[in-house]
Amino acid sequence: IKGARQFFSLGAGFKYNVVKVDVSYLFSASKVKNPLENTLRFSL
């Protein structure tokens, strides 16, 4: 009743020397579609 955002997320990180790469993926667990559903995010 307050927005119904419900989701699971998975992520991984890889580091080599001074560089690190992170990725994540979101799975919606709600009947309301999440705008970030099935989205792969990147961080460096």
All heavy atoms as atom14 arrays in JSON, in Angstrom:
{
  "sequence": "IKGARQFFSLGAGFKYNVVKVDVSYLFSASKVKNPLENTLRFSL",
  "atom14_mask": [
    [1, 1, 1, 1, 1, 1, 1, 1, 0, 0, 0, 0, 0, 0],
    [1, 1, 1, 1, 1, 1, 1, 1, 1, 0, 0, 0, 0, 0],
    [1, 1, 1, 1, 0, 0, 0, 0, 0, 0, 0, 0, 0, 0],
    [1, 1, 1, 1, 1, 0, 0, 0, 0, 0, 0, 0, 0, 0],
    [1, 1, 1, 1, 1, 1, 1, 1, 1, 1, 1, 0, 0, 0],
    [1, 1, 1, 1, 1, 1, 1, 1, 1, 0, 0, 0, 0, 0],
    [1, 1, 1, 1, 1, 1, 1, 1, 1, 1, 1, 0, 0, 0],
    [1, 1, 1, 1, 1, 1, 1, 1, 1, 1, 1, 0, 0, 0],
    [1, 1, 1, 1, 1, 1, 0, 0, 0, 0, 0, 0, 0, 0],
    [1, 1, 1, 1, 1, 1, 1, 1, 0, 0, 0, 0, 0, 0],
    [1, 1, 1, 1, 0, 0, 0, 0, 0, 0, 0, 0, 0, 0],
    [1, 1, 1, 1, 1, 0, 0, 0, 0, 0, 0, 0, 0, 0],
    [1, 1, 1, 1, 0, 0, 0, 0, 0, 0, 0, 0, 0, 0],
    [1, 1, 1, 1, 1, 1, 1, 1, 1, 1, 1, 0, 0, 0],
    [1, 1, 1, 1, 1, 1, 1, 1, 1, 0, 0, 0, 0, 0],
    [1, 1, 1, 1, 1, 1, 1, 1, 1, 1, 1, 1, 0, 0],
    [1, 1, 1, 1, 1, 1, 1, 1, 0, 0, 0, 0, 0, 0],
    [1, 1, 1, 1, 1, 1, 1, 0, 0, 0, 0, 0, 0, 0],
    [1, 1, 1, 1, 1, 1, 1, 0, 0, 0, 0, 0, 0, 0],
    [1, 1, 1, 1, 1, 1, 1, 1, 1, 0, 0, 0, 0, 0],
    [1, 1, 1, 1, 1, 1, 1, 0, 0, 0, 0, 0, 0, 0],
    [1, 1, 1, 1, 1, 1, 1, 1, 0, 0, 0, 0, 0, 0],
    [1, 1, 1, 1, 1, 1, 1, 0, 0, 0, 0, 0, 0, 0],
    [1, 1, 1, 1, 1, 1, 0, 0, 0, 0, 0, 0, 0, 0],
    [1, 1, 1, 1, 1, 1, 1, 1, 1, 1, 1, 1, 0, 0],
    [1, 1, 1, 1, 1, 1, 1, 1, 0, 0, 0, 0, 0, 0],
    [1, 1, 1, 1, 1, 1, 1, 1, 1, 1, 1, 0, 0, 0],
    [1, 1, 1, 1, 1, 1, 0, 0, 0, 0, 0, 0, 0, 0],
    [1, 1, 1, 1, 1, 0, 0, 0, 0, 0, 0, 0, 0, 0],
    [1, 1, 1, 1, 1, 1, 0, 0, 0, 0, 0, 0, 0, 0],
    [1, 1, 1, 1, 1, 1, 1, 1, 1, 0, 0, 0, 0, 0],
    [1, 1, 1, 1, 1, 1, 1, 0, 0, 0, 0, 0, 0, 0],
    [1, 1, 1, 1, 1, 1, 1, 1, 1, 0, 0, 0, 0, 0],
    [1, 1, 1, 1, 1, 1, 1, 1, 0, 0, 0, 0, 0, 0],
    [1, 1, 1, 1, 1, 1, 1, 0, 0, 0, 0, 0, 0, 0],
    [1, 1, 1, 1, 1, 1, 1, 1, 0, 0, 0, 0, 0, 0],
    [1, 1, 1, 1, 1, 1, 1, 1, 1, 0, 0, 0, 0, 0],
    [1, 1, 1, 1, 1, 1, 1, 1, 0, 0, 0, 0, 0, 0],
    [1, 1, 1, 1, 1, 1, 1, 0, 0, 0, 0, 0, 0, 0],
    [1, 1, 1, 1, 1, 1, 1, 1, 0, 0, 0, 0, 0, 0],
    [1, 1, 1, 1, 1, 1, 1, 1, 1, 1, 1, 0, 0, 0],
    [1, 1, 1, 1, 1, 1, 1, 1, 1, 1, 1, 0, 0, 0],
    [1, 1, 1, 1, 1, 1, 0, 0, 0, 0, 0, 0, 0, 0],
    [1, 1, 1, 1, 1, 1, 1, 1, 0, 0, 0, 0, 0, 0]
  ],
  "atom14_positions": [
    [[0.82, -1.22, 0.0], [0.0, 0.0, 0.0], [0.85, 1.27, 0.0], [0.31, 2.37, 0.01], [-0.97, 0.02, 1.2], [-0.22, 0.23, 2.51], [-1.83, -1.21, 1.24], [-1.13, 0.54, 3.68], [0.0, 0.0, 0.0], [0.0, 0.0, 0.0], [0.0, 0.0, 0.0], [0.0, 0.0, 0.0], [0.0, 0.0, 0.0], [0.0, 0.0, 0.0]],
    [[2.17, 1.11, -0.03], [3.06, 2.27, -0.02], [3.98, 2.32, -1.24], [4.98, 3.04, -1.23], [3.9, 2.28, 1.26], [3.1, 2.55, 2.52], [2.47, 3.95, 2.5], [1.64, 4.22, 3.73], [1.06, 5.57, 3.72], [0.0, 0.0, 0.0], [0.0, 0.0, 0.0], [0.0, 0.0, 0.0], [0.0, 0.0, 0.0], [0.0, 0.0, 0.0]],
    [[3.66, 1.55, -2.25], [4.46, 1.58, -3.47], [4.75, 0.22, -4.06], [5.03, 0.09, -5.24], [0.0, 0.0, 0.0], [0.0, 0.0, 0.0], [0.0, 0.0, 0.0], [0.0, 0.0, 0.0], [0.0, 0.0, 0.0], [0.0, 0.0, 0.0], [0.0, 0.0, 0.0], [0.0, 0.0, 0.0], [0.0, 0.0, 0.0], [0.0, 0.0, 0.0]],
    [[4.76, -0.82, -3.21], [4.87, -2.22, -3.65], [6.18, -2.54, -4.36], [6.22, -3.45, -5.2], [3.68, -2.58, -4.55], [0.0, 0.0, 0.0], [0.0, 0.0, 0.0], [0.0, 0.0, 0.0], [0.0, 0.0, 0.0], [0.0, 0.0, 0.0], [0.0, 0.0, 0.0], [0.0, 0.0, 0.0], [0.0, 0.0, 0.0], [0.0, 0.0, 0.0]],
    [[7.26, -1.82, -4.04], [8.57, -2.21, -4.59], [9.09, -3.41, -3.8], [9.35, -3.31, -2.61], [9.56, -1.06, -4.51], [9.3, 0.09, -5.45], [10.32, 1.2, -5.23], [10.24, 1.72, -3.87], [11.23, 2.35, -3.26], [12.4, 2.5, -3.86], [11.06, 2.8, -2.02], [0.0, 0.0, 0.0], [0.0, 0.0, 0.0], [0.0, 0.0, 0.0]],
    [[9.23, -4.52, -4.47], [9.76, -5.73, -3.87], [10.6, -6.44, -4.92], [10.12, -6.71, -6.02], [8.62, -6.64, -3.39], [7.73, -6.02, -2.32], [6.46, -6.8, -2.09], [6.37, -7.98, -2.39], [5.43, -6.14, -1.55], [0.0, 0.0, 0.0], [0.0, 0.0, 0.0], [0.0, 0.0, 0.0], [0.0, 0.0, 0.0], [0.0, 0.0, 0.0]],
    [[11.86, -6.7, -4.57], [12.73, -7.32, -5.58], [13.9, -8.04, -4.94], [14.29, -7.76, -3.8], [13.24, -6.27, -6.58], [14.03, -5.14, -5.96], [15.38, -5.27, -5.68], [13.42, -3.93, -5.67], [16.12, -4.23, -5.13], [14.13, -2.88, -5.11], [15.49, -3.03, -4.83], [0.0, 0.0, 0.0], [0.0, 0.0, 0.0], [0.0, 0.0, 0.0]],
    [[14.44, -8.99, -5.7], [15.7, -9.65, -5.38], [16.78, -9.07, -6.28], [16.5, -8.63, -7.4], [15.61, -11.16, -5.61], [14.71, -11.88, -4.64], [13.38, -12.13, -4.97], [15.18, -12.31, -3.41], [12.54, -12.79, -4.08], [14.35, -12.96, -2.52], [13.03, -13.21, -2.85], [0.0, 0.0, 0.0], [0.0, 0.0, 0.0], [0.0, 0.0, 0.0]],
    [[18.0, -9.09, -5.8], [19.11, -8.6, -6.62], [20.32, -9.5, -6.46], [20.54, -10.11, -5.42], [19.47, -7.16, -6.24], [19.88, -7.08, -4.88], [0.0, 0.0, 0.0], [0.0, 0.0, 0.0], [0.0, 0.0, 0.0], [0.0, 0.0, 0.0], [0.0, 0.0, 0.0], [0.0, 0.0, 0.0], [0.0, 0.0, 0.0], [0.0, 0.0, 0.0]],
    [[21.08, -9.6, -7.53], [22.33, -10.34, -7.54], [23.45, -9.4, -7.97], [23.24, -8.48, -8.77], [22.26, -11.52, -8.51], [21.28, -12.64, -8.2], [21.25, -13.64, -9.35], [21.67, -13.34, -6.91], [0.0, 0.0, 0.0], [0.0, 0.0, 0.0], [0.0, 0.0, 0.0], [0.0, 0.0, 0.0], [0.0, 0.0, 0.0], [0.0, 0.0, 0.0]],
    [[24.65, -9.64, -7.45], [25.77, -8.79, -7.83], [27.08, -9.54, -7.76], [27.2, -10.59, -7.11], [0.0, 0.0, 0.0], [0.0, 0.0, 0.0], [0.0, 0.0, 0.0], [0.0, 0.0, 0.0], [0.0, 0.0, 0.0], [0.0, 0.0, 0.0], [0.0, 0.0, 0.0], [0.0, 0.0, 0.0], [0.0, 0.0, 0.0], [0.0, 0.0, 0.0]],
    [[28.07, -8.99, -8.42], [29.41, -9.55, -8.4], [30.42, -8.43, -8.51], [30.13, -7.36, -9.07], [29.6, -10.56, -9.54], [0.0, 0.0, 0.0], [0.0, 0.0, 0.0], [0.0, 0.0, 0.0], [0.0, 0.0, 0.0], [0.0, 0.0, 0.0], [0.0, 0.0, 0.0], [0.0, 0.0, 0.0], [0.0, 0.0, 0.0], [0.0, 0.0, 0.0]],
    [[31.61, -8.68, -7.97], [32.68, -7.7, -8.05], [34.0, -8.37, -8.37], [34.27, -9.49, -7.91], [0.0, 0.0, 0.0], [0.0, 0.0, 0.0], [0.0, 0.0, 0.0], [0.0, 0.0, 0.0], [0.0, 0.0, 0.0], [0.0, 0.0, 0.0], [0.0, 0.0, 0.0], [0.0, 0.0, 0.0], [0.0, 0.0, 0.0], [0.0, 0.0, 0.0]],
    [[34.82, -7.69, -9.16], [36.12, -8.22, -9.58], [37.17, -7.13, -9.41], [36.97, -6.0, -9.87], [36.08, -8.68, -11.04], [34.91, -9.58, -11.36], [33.7, -9.03, -11.79], [35.02, -10.95, -11.23], [32.63, -9.85, -12.08], [33.94, -11.78, -11.52], [32.74, -11.22, -11.94], [0.0, 0.0, 0.0], [0.0, 0.0, 0.0], [0.0, 0.0, 0.0]],
    [[38.27, -7.46, -8.77], [39.31, -6.48, -8.53], [40.65, -7.0, -9.03], [41.03, -8.15, -8.77], [39.41, -6.17, -7.02], [40.46, -5.11, -6.69], [40.5, -4.82, -5.2], [41.56, -3.78, -4.86], [41.62, -3.52, -3.41], [0.0, 0.0, 0.0], [0.0, 0.0, 0.0], [0.0, 0.0, 0.0], [0.0, 0.0, 0.0], [0.0, 0.0, 0.0]],
    [[41.34, -6.14, -9.76], [42.69, -6.46, -10.23], [43.57, -5.23, -10.01], [43.31, -4.17, -10.58], [42.7, -6.86, -11.7], [44.09, -7.14, -12.23], [44.75, -8.33, -11.89], [44.75, -6.22, -13.04], [46.02, -8.59, -12.36], [46.03, -6.49, -13.52], [46.65, -7.67, -13.17], [47.93, -7.93, -13.62], [0.0, 0.0, 0.0], [0.0, 0.0, 0.0]],
    [[44.55, -5.38, -9.16], [45.44, -4.28, -8.83], [44.62, -3.12, -8.25], [43.98, -3.27, -7.23], [46.25, -3.88, -10.06], [47.51, -3.12, -9.68], [47.76, -2.84, -8.51], [48.32, -2.8, -10.67], [0.0, 0.0, 0.0], [0.0, 0.0, 0.0], [0.0, 0.0, 0.0], [0.0, 0.0, 0.0], [0.0, 0.0, 0.0], [0.0, 0.0, 0.0]],
    [[44.6, -1.95, -8.91], [43.88, -0.79, -8.38], [42.5, -0.63, -9.02], [41.76, 0.3, -8.68], [44.69, 0.51, -8.6], [46.01, 0.43, -7.87], [44.89, 0.78, -10.09], [0.0, 0.0, 0.0], [0.0, 0.0, 0.0], [0.0, 0.0, 0.0], [0.0, 0.0, 0.0], [0.0, 0.0, 0.0], [0.0, 0.0, 0.0], [0.0, 0.0, 0.0]],
    [[42.13, -1.52, -9.92], [40.87, -1.4, -10.65], [39.86, -2.41, -10.13], [40.18, -3.59, -9.92], [41.09, -1.61, -12.16], [39.77, -1.47, -12.91], [42.11, -0.63, -12.7], [0.0, 0.0, 0.0], [0.0, 0.0, 0.0], [0.0, 0.0, 0.0], [0.0, 0.0, 0.0], [0.0, 0.0, 0.0], [0.0, 0.0, 0.0], [0.0, 0.0, 0.0]],
    [[38.64, -1.97, -9.94], [37.57, -2.84, -9.48], [36.34, -2.62, -10.35], [35.97, -1.48, -10.65], [37.22, -2.54, -8.02], [36.12, -3.4, -7.45], [35.81, -3.0, -6.01], [34.66, -3.81, -5.44], [34.31, -3.37, -4.05], [0.0, 0.0, 0.0], [0.0, 0.0, 0.0], [0.0, 0.0, 0.0], [0.0, 0.0, 0.0], [0.0, 0.0, 0.0]],
    [[35.7, -3.73, -10.75], [34.48, -3.68, -11.55], [33.36, -4.36, -10.78], [33.53, -5.48, -10.28], [34.67, -4.37, -12.92], [33.37, -4.35, -13.71], [35.79, -3.7, -13.71], [0.0, 0.0, 0.0], [0.0, 0.0, 0.0], [0.0, 0.0, 0.0], [0.0, 0.0, 0.0], [0.0, 0.0, 0.0], [0.0, 0.0, 0.0], [0.0, 0.0, 0.0]],
    [[32.21, -3.69, -10.67], [31.03, -4.25, -10.01], [29.86, -4.27, -10.98], [29.68, -3.33, -11.77], [30.65, -3.43, -8.77], [31.66, -3.55, -7.66], [31.79, -4.65, -7.1], [32.33, -2.54, -7.35], [0.0, 0.0, 0.0], [0.0, 0.0, 0.0], [0.0, 0.0, 0.0], [0.0, 0.0, 0.0], [0.0, 0.0, 0.0], [0.0, 0.0, 0.0]],
    [[29.06, -5.33, -10.91], [27.86, -5.45, -11.73], [26.73, -5.96, -10.84], [26.96, -6.6, -9.82], [28.05, -6.42, -12.92], [29.08, -5.87, -13.89], [28.45, -7.8, -12.44], [0.0, 0.0, 0.0], [0.0, 0.0, 0.0], [0.0, 0.0, 0.0], [0.0, 0.0, 0.0], [0.0, 0.0, 0.0], [0.0, 0.0, 0.0], [0.0, 0.0, 0.0]],
    [[25.49, -5.66, -11.25], [24.33, -6.14, -10.5], [23.15, -6.34, -11.44], [23.1, -5.76, -12.53], [23.95, -5.16, -9.38], [23.44, -3.96, -9.93], [0.0, 0.0, 0.0], [0.0, 0.0, 0.0], [0.0, 0.0, 0.0], [0.0, 0.0, 0.0], [0.0, 0.0, 0.0], [0.0, 0.0, 0.0], [0.0, 0.0, 0.0], [0.0, 0.0, 0.0]],
    [[22.19, -7.15, -10.97], [21.0, -7.47, -11.76], [19.81, -7.57, -10.82], [19.94, -8.1, -9.71], [21.21, -8.79, -12.5], [20.21, -9.05, -13.61], [20.36, -8.45, -14.85], [19.14, -9.9, -13.41], [19.46, -8.69, -15.88], [18.23, -10.15, -14.43], [18.39, -9.54, -15.67], [17.5, -9.78, -16.67], [0.0, 0.0, 0.0], [0.0, 0.0, 0.0]],
    [[18.66, -7.08, -11.26], [17.47, -7.01, -10.4], [16.35, -7.89, -10.95], [16.08, -7.89, -12.15], [17.01, -5.55, -10.3], [15.84, -5.2, -9.39], [16.01, -3.78, -8.83], [14.5, -5.27, -10.15], [0.0, 0.0, 0.0], [0.0, 0.0, 0.0], [0.0, 0.0, 0.0], [0.0, 0.0, 0.0], [0.0, 0.0, 0.0], [0.0, 0.0, 0.0]],
    [[15.68, -8.64, -10.03], [14.51, -9.45, -10.35], [13.33, -8.95, -9.52], [13.39, -8.95, -8.29], [14.74, -10.93, -10.02], [15.94, -11.53, -10.69], [17.19, -11.47, -10.09], [15.81, -12.16, -11.91], [18.3, -12.04, -10.69], [16.93, -12.73, -12.52], [18.16, -12.67, -11.92], [0.0, 0.0, 0.0], [0.0, 0.0, 0.0], [0.0, 0.0, 0.0]],
    [[12.27, -8.51, -10.16], [11.11, -8.01, -9.43], [10.36, -9.17, -8.76], [10.19, -10.23, -9.35], [10.16, -7.26, -10.35], [9.03, -6.78, -9.64], [0.0, 0.0, 0.0], [0.0, 0.0, 0.0], [0.0, 0.0, 0.0], [0.0, 0.0, 0.0], [0.0, 0.0, 0.0], [0.0, 0.0, 0.0], [0.0, 0.0, 0.0], [0.0, 0.0, 0.0]],
    [[9.92, -8.94, -7.52], [9.12, -9.93, -6.79], [7.72, -9.38, -6.51], [7.01, -9.9, -5.65], [9.81, -10.3, -5.48], [0.0, 0.0, 0.0], [0.0, 0.0, 0.0], [0.0, 0.0, 0.0], [0.0, 0.0, 0.0], [0.0, 0.0, 0.0], [0.0, 0.0, 0.0], [0.0, 0.0, 0.0], [0.0, 0.0, 0.0], [0.0, 0.0, 0.0]],
    [[7.33, -8.35, -7.24], [6.05, -7.69, -7.03], [5.23, -7.71, -8.32], [5.78, -7.83, -9.42], [6.27, -6.25, -6.57], [5.08, -5.5, -6.57], [0.0, 0.0, 0.0], [0.0, 0.0, 0.0], [0.0, 0.0, 0.0], [0.0, 0.0, 0.0], [0.0, 0.0, 0.0], [0.0, 0.0, 0.0], [0.0, 0.0, 0.0], [0.0, 0.0, 0.0]],
    [[3.92, -7.56, -8.18], [3.06, -7.47, -9.35], [3.24, -6.13, -10.06], [2.9, -6.0, -11.24], [1.6, -7.65, -8.93], [1.27, -9.03, -8.4], [-0.2, -9.15, -8.03], [-0.53, -10.54, -7.5], [-1.96, -10.65, -7.11], [0.0, 0.0, 0.0], [0.0, 0.0, 0.0], [0.0, 0.0, 0.0], [0.0, 0.0, 0.0], [0.0, 0.0, 0.0]],
    [[3.74, -5.14, -9.33], [4.02, -3.83, -9.93], [5.39, -3.88, -10.59], [6.39, -4.2, -9.96], [3.98, -2.72, -8.86], [4.32, -1.37, -9.48], [2.62, -2.67, -8.19], [0.0, 0.0, 0.0], [0.0, 0.0, 0.0], [0.0, 0.0, 0.0], [0.0, 0.0, 0.0], [0.0, 0.0, 0.0], [0.0, 0.0, 0.0], [0.0, 0.0, 0.0]],
    [[5.45, -3.55, -11.85], [6.7, -3.66, -12.61], [7.71, -2.64, -12.1], [7.4, -1.46, -11.91], [6.43, -3.43, -14.1], [7.62, -3.77, -14.98], [7.24, -3.72, -16.44], [8.4, -4.11, -17.33], [8.86, -5.48, -17.08], [0.0, 0.0, 0.0], [0.0, 0.0, 0.0], [0.0, 0.0, 0.0], [0.0, 0.0, 0.0], [0.0, 0.0, 0.0]],
    [[8.93, -3.08, -11.9], [10.01, -2.22, -11.44], [10.73, -1.61, -12.65], [11.07, -2.33, -13.59], [11.0, -3.02, -10.59], [11.98, -2.15, -9.84], [12.73, -1.38, -10.43], [11.97, -2.27, -8.52], [0.0, 0.0, 0.0], [0.0, 0.0, 0.0], [0.0, 0.0, 0.0], [0.0, 0.0, 0.0], [0.0, 0.0, 0.0], [0.0, 0.0, 0.0]],
    [[10.95, -0.29, -12.67], [11.63, 0.33, -13.83], [13.06, -0.15, -14.03], [13.63, 0.05, -15.09], [11.59, 1.83, -13.5], [11.38, 1.9, -12.02], [10.55, 0.7, -11.66], [0.0, 0.0, 0.0], [0.0, 0.0, 0.0], [0.0, 0.0, 0.0], [0.0, 0.0, 0.0], [0.0, 0.0, 0.0], [0.0, 0.0, 0.0], [0.0, 0.0, 0.0]],
    [[13.64, -0.79, -13.0], [15.0, -1.31, -13.11], [15.02, -2.83, -13.31], [16.09, -3.45, -13.25], [15.81, -0.94, -11.87], [16.13, 0.55, -11.72], [16.66, 0.84, -10.33], [17.12, 0.99, -12.78], [0.0, 0.0, 0.0], [0.0, 0.0, 0.0], [0.0, 0.0, 0.0], [0.0, 0.0, 0.0], [0.0, 0.0, 0.0], [0.0, 0.0, 0.0]],
    [[13.86, -3.41, -13.55], [13.78, -4.86, -13.73], [14.56, -5.29, -14.97], [14.56, -4.61, -16.01], [12.31, -5.27, -13.87], [12.07, -6.76, -13.89], [10.59, -7.11, -13.83], [9.78, -6.18, -13.68], [10.26, -8.31, -13.93], [0.0, 0.0, 0.0], [0.0, 0.0, 0.0], [0.0, 0.0, 0.0], [0.0, 0.0, 0.0], [0.0, 0.0, 0.0]],
    [[15.26, -6.43, -14.84], [16.05, -6.98, -15.94], [17.11, -5.99, -16.44], [17.42, -5.93, -17.63], [15.15, -7.4, -17.1], [14.11, -8.42, -16.69], [14.4, -9.32, -15.89], [12.91, -8.29, -17.21], [0.0, 0.0, 0.0], [0.0, 0.0, 0.0], [0.0, 0.0, 0.0], [0.0, 0.0, 0.0], [0.0, 0.0, 0.0], [0.0, 0.0, 0.0]],
    [[17.65, -5.22, -15.49], [18.64, -4.21, -15.83], [20.0, -4.6, -15.27], [20.12, -4.97, -14.1], [18.24, -2.83, -15.28], [17.03, -2.4, -15.89], [19.33, -1.8, -15.56], [0.0, 0.0, 0.0], [0.0, 0.0, 0.0], [0.0, 0.0, 0.0], [0.0, 0.0, 0.0], [0.0, 0.0, 0.0], [0.0, 0.0, 0.0], [0.0, 0.0, 0.0]],
    [[21.03, -4.53, -16.11], [22.39, -4.8, -15.68], [23.09, -3.47, -15.42], [23.17, -2.61, -16.31], [23.14, -5.58, -16.76], [24.49, -6.2, -16.36], [24.3, -7.24, -15.26], [25.16, -6.83, -17.58], [0.0, 0.0, 0.0], [0.0, 0.0, 0.0], [0.0, 0.0, 0.0], [0.0, 0.0, 0.0], [0.0, 0.0, 0.0], [0.0, 0.0, 0.0]],
    [[23.55, -3.28, -14.19], [24.21, -2.03, -13.8], [25.7, -2.23, -13.65], [26.15, -3.29, -13.2], [23.61, -1.5, -12.5], [22.21, -0.97, -12.68], [21.68, -0.34, -11.4], [20.8, -1.24, -10.69], [20.03, -0.88, -9.68], [20.07, 0.36, -9.24], [19.24, -1.74, -9.08], [0.0, 0.0, 0.0], [0.0, 0.0, 0.0], [0.0, 0.0, 0.0]],
    [[26.47, -1.19, -13.97], [27.93, -1.29, -13.95], [28.53, -0.17, -13.1], [28.04, 0.95, -13.09], [28.5, -1.16, -15.38], [28.0, -2.2, -16.33], [26.86, -1.99, -17.08], [28.69, -3.39, -16.49], [26.41, -2.93, -17.98], [28.24, -4.36, -17.39], [27.1, -4.13, -18.12], [0.0, 0.0, 0.0], [0.0, 0.0, 0.0], [0.0, 0.0, 0.0]],
    [[29.6, -0.5, -12.4], [30.39, 0.5, -11.67], [31.87, 0.17, -11.83], [32.26, -1.0, -11.78], [30.03, 0.52, -10.19], [28.7, 0.98, -9.98], [0.0, 0.0, 0.0], [0.0, 0.0, 0.0], [0.0, 0.0, 0.0], [0.0, 0.0, 0.0], [0.0, 0.0, 0.0], [0.0, 0.0, 0.0], [0.0, 0.0, 0.0], [0.0, 0.0, 0.0]],
    [[32.65, 1.21, -11.98], [34.1, 1.07, -12.15], [34.79, 1.92, -11.09], [34.46, 3.09, -10.92], [34.52, 1.51, -13.55], [35.99, 1.34, -13.94], [36.36, -0.14, -13.96], [36.25, 1.99, -15.3], [0.0, 0.0, 0.0], [0.0, 0.0, 0.0], [0.0, 0.0, 0.0], [0.0, 0.0, 0.0], [0.0, 0.0, 0.0], [0.0, 0.0, 0.0]]
  ]
}
